[in-house]
């Protein structure tokens, strides 16, 4: 079943829902990091991990994407989280000085 892409047309409602959900998650993550500091980073990471795993199930269950695309997206998210962690570390070092 891996690598099988559904032949269904792209649902505009799903696309809009996806955009709204991830914009809300992004705003929440930024808010947590800005207003709560280092503890917010940990909580934001948990929110992102849960959000990605739940949305992966939604997309896989609806047949709109294949597993390879999901793995690619997860790899991109991991890379972005690594960059975020580096920036947080540099901010933490700056605050400690």
C-alpha atoms as a PDB file:
ATOM      1  CA  UNK A   1       0.000   0.000   0.000  1.00  0.00           C
ATOM      2  CA  UNK A   2       3.009   2.300   0.426  1.00  0.00           C
ATOM      3  CA  UNK A   3       3.539   4.589  -2.509  1.00  0.00           C
ATOM      4  CA  UNK A   4      -0.072   4.353  -3.697  1.00  0.00           C
ATOM      5  CA  UNK A   5      -1.615   7.717  -4.463  1.00  0.00           C
ATOM      6  CA  UNK A   6      -5.356   8.191  -4.580  1.00  0.00           C
ATOM      7  CA  UNK A   7      -6.781   9.337  -7.909  1.00  0.00           C
ATOM      8  CA  UNK A   8      -9.323  11.566  -6.166  1.00  0.00           C
ATOM      9  CA  UNK A   9      -9.209  15.251  -7.105  1.00  0.00           C
ATOM     10  CA  UNK A  10      -7.794  17.635  -4.545  1.00  0.00           C
ATOM     11  CA  UNK A  11     -10.526  18.772  -2.202  1.00  0.00           C
ATOM     12  CA  UNK A  12     -10.458  22.554  -1.798  1.00  0.00           C
ATOM     13  CA  UNK A  13     -12.185  22.302   1.587  1.00  0.00           C
ATOM     14  CA  UNK A  14      -9.467  19.967   2.846  1.00  0.00           C
ATOM     15  CA  UNK A  15      -6.815  22.352   1.573  1.00  0.00           C
ATOM     16  CA  UNK A  16      -8.447  25.323   3.308  1.00  0.00           C
ATOM     17  CA  UNK A  17      -8.908  23.309   6.509  1.00  0.00           C
ATOM     18  CA  UNK A  18      -5.268  22.282   6.413  1.00  0.00           C
ATOM     19  CA  UNK A  19      -4.158  25.860   5.976  1.00  0.00           C
ATOM     20  CA  UNK A  20      -6.346  27.132   8.822  1.00  0.00           C
ATOM     21  CA  UNK A  21      -5.263  24.365  11.206  1.00  0.00           C
ATOM     22  CA  UNK A  22      -1.540  24.798  10.579  1.00  0.00           C
ATOM     23  CA  UNK A  23      -1.688  28.585  10.751  1.00  0.00           C
ATOM     24  CA  UNK A  24      -3.430  28.251  14.122  1.00  0.00           C
ATOM     25  CA  UNK A  25      -0.816  25.748  15.304  1.00  0.00           C
ATOM     26  CA  UNK A  26       2.008  28.024  14.122  1.00  0.00           C
ATOM     27  CA  UNK A  27       0.533  31.037  15.916  1.00  0.00           C
ATOM     28  CA  UNK A  28       0.094  28.967  19.073  1.00  0.00           C
ATOM     29  CA  UNK A  29       3.658  27.687  18.926  1.00  0.00           C
ATOM     30  CA  UNK A  30       5.100  31.171  18.435  1.00  0.00           C
ATOM     31  CA  UNK A  31       2.945  32.498  21.278  1.00  0.00           C
ATOM     32  CA  UNK A  32       4.119  29.709  23.594  1.00  0.00           C
ATOM     33  CA  UNK A  33       7.768  30.334  22.793  1.00  0.00           C
ATOM     34  CA  UNK A  34       7.617  34.128  22.992  1.00  0.00           C
ATOM     35  CA  UNK A  35       5.593  34.445  26.182  1.00  0.00           C
ATOM     36  CA  UNK A  36       6.740  31.455  28.203  1.00  0.00           C
ATOM     37  CA  UNK A  37      10.385  31.154  27.219  1.00  0.00           C
ATOM     38  CA  UNK A  38      12.262  27.879  27.366  1.00  0.00           C
ATOM     39  CA  UNK A  39       9.385  25.904  28.888  1.00  0.00           C
ATOM     40  CA  UNK A  40       7.246  27.035  25.972  1.00  0.00           C
ATOM     41  CA  UNK A  41       9.732  25.487  23.549  1.00  0.00           C
ATOM     42  CA  UNK A  42       9.236  22.075  25.119  1.00  0.00           C
ATOM     43  CA  UNK A  43       5.468  22.398  25.044  1.00  0.00           C
ATOM     44  CA  UNK A  44       5.556  23.751  21.471  1.00  0.00           C
ATOM     45  CA  UNK A  45       7.626  20.746  20.399  1.00  0.00           C
ATOM     46  CA  UNK A  46       5.038  18.399  21.904  1.00  0.00           C
ATOM     47  CA  UNK A  47       2.238  20.287  20.141  1.00  0.00           C
ATOM     48  CA  UNK A  48       4.049  19.999  16.801  1.00  0.00           C
ATOM     49  CA  UNK A  49       4.744  16.283  17.210  1.00  0.00           C
ATOM     50  CA  UNK A  50       1.138  15.550  18.134  1.00  0.00           C
ATOM     51  CA  UNK A  51      -0.187  17.828  15.401  1.00  0.00           C
ATOM     52  CA  UNK A  52       1.932  16.232  12.686  1.00  0.00           C
ATOM     53  CA  UNK A  53       1.046  12.691  13.738  1.00  0.00           C
ATOM     54  CA  UNK A  54      -2.691  13.424  13.924  1.00  0.00           C
ATOM     55  CA  UNK A  55      -2.756  15.282  10.623  1.00  0.00           C
ATOM     56  CA  UNK A  56      -0.760  12.456   9.002  1.00  0.00           C
ATOM     57  CA  UNK A  57      -3.522  10.061  10.040  1.00  0.00           C
ATOM     58  CA  UNK A  58      -6.169  12.415   8.662  1.00  0.00           C
ATOM     59  CA  UNK A  59      -4.457  12.719   5.294  1.00  0.00           C
ATOM     60  CA  UNK A  60      -3.598   9.031   5.041  1.00  0.00           C
ATOM     61  CA  UNK A  61      -7.126   8.035   6.030  1.00  0.00           C
ATOM     62  CA  UNK A  62      -8.668  10.364   3.486  1.00  0.00           C
ATOM     63  CA  UNK A  63      -6.425   9.069   0.701  1.00  0.00           C
ATOM     64  CA  UNK A  64      -5.071  12.443  -0.352  1.00  0.00           C
ATOM     65  CA  UNK A  65      -1.382  11.683  -0.013  1.00  0.00           C
ATOM     66  CA  UNK A  66       1.043   8.811  -0.085  1.00  0.00           C
ATOM     67  CA  UNK A  67       3.389   7.669   2.637  1.00  0.00           C
ATOM     68  CA  UNK A  68       6.494   8.894   0.802  1.00  0.00           C
ATOM     69  CA  UNK A  69       5.130  12.436   0.765  1.00  0.00           C
ATOM     70  CA  UNK A  70       4.344  12.171   4.449  1.00  0.00           C
ATOM     71  CA  UNK A  71       7.853  10.927   5.219  1.00  0.00           C
ATOM     72  CA  UNK A  72       9.288  13.797   3.191  1.00  0.00           C
ATOM     73  CA  UNK A  73       7.128  16.278   5.100  1.00  0.00           C
ATOM     74  CA  UNK A  74       8.170  14.762   8.430  1.00  0.00           C
ATOM     75  CA  UNK A  75      11.823  15.028   7.412  1.00  0.00           C
ATOM     76  CA  UNK A  76      11.267  18.698   6.577  1.00  0.00           C
ATOM     77  CA  UNK A  77       9.556  19.266   9.934  1.00  0.00           C
ATOM     78  CA  UNK A  78      12.456  17.598  11.758  1.00  0.00           C
ATOM     79  CA  UNK A  79      14.924  19.836   9.911  1.00  0.00           C
ATOM     80  CA  UNK A  80      12.907  22.925  10.822  1.00  0.00           C
ATOM     81  CA  UNK A  81      12.749  21.809  14.465  1.00  0.00           C
ATOM     82  CA  UNK A  82      16.533  21.366  14.484  1.00  0.00           C
ATOM     83  CA  UNK A  83      16.936  24.914  13.163  1.00  0.00           C
ATOM     84  CA  UNK A  84      14.464  26.160  15.779  1.00  0.00           C
ATOM     85  CA  UNK A  85      16.395  24.391  18.547  1.00  0.00           C
ATOM     86  CA  UNK A  86      19.644  26.000  17.359  1.00  0.00           C
ATOM     87  CA  UNK A  87      18.023  29.435  17.423  1.00  0.00           C
ATOM     88  CA  UNK A  88      16.592  28.808  20.883  1.00  0.00           C
ATOM     89  CA  UNK A  89      20.022  27.746  22.123  1.00  0.00           C
ATOM     90  CA  UNK A  90      21.586  30.915  20.738  1.00  0.00           C
ATOM     91  CA  UNK A  91      18.846  33.024  22.352  1.00  0.00           C
ATOM     92  CA  UNK A  92      19.357  31.197  25.647  1.00  0.00           C
ATOM     93  CA  UNK A  93      23.121  31.868  25.492  1.00  0.00           C
ATOM     94  CA  UNK A  94      22.473  35.523  24.721  1.00  0.00           C
ATOM     95  CA  UNK A  95      20.109  35.824  27.681  1.00  0.00           C
ATOM     96  CA  UNK A  96      22.614  34.151  30.004  1.00  0.00           C
ATOM     97  CA  UNK A  97      25.325  36.684  29.102  1.00  0.00           C
END
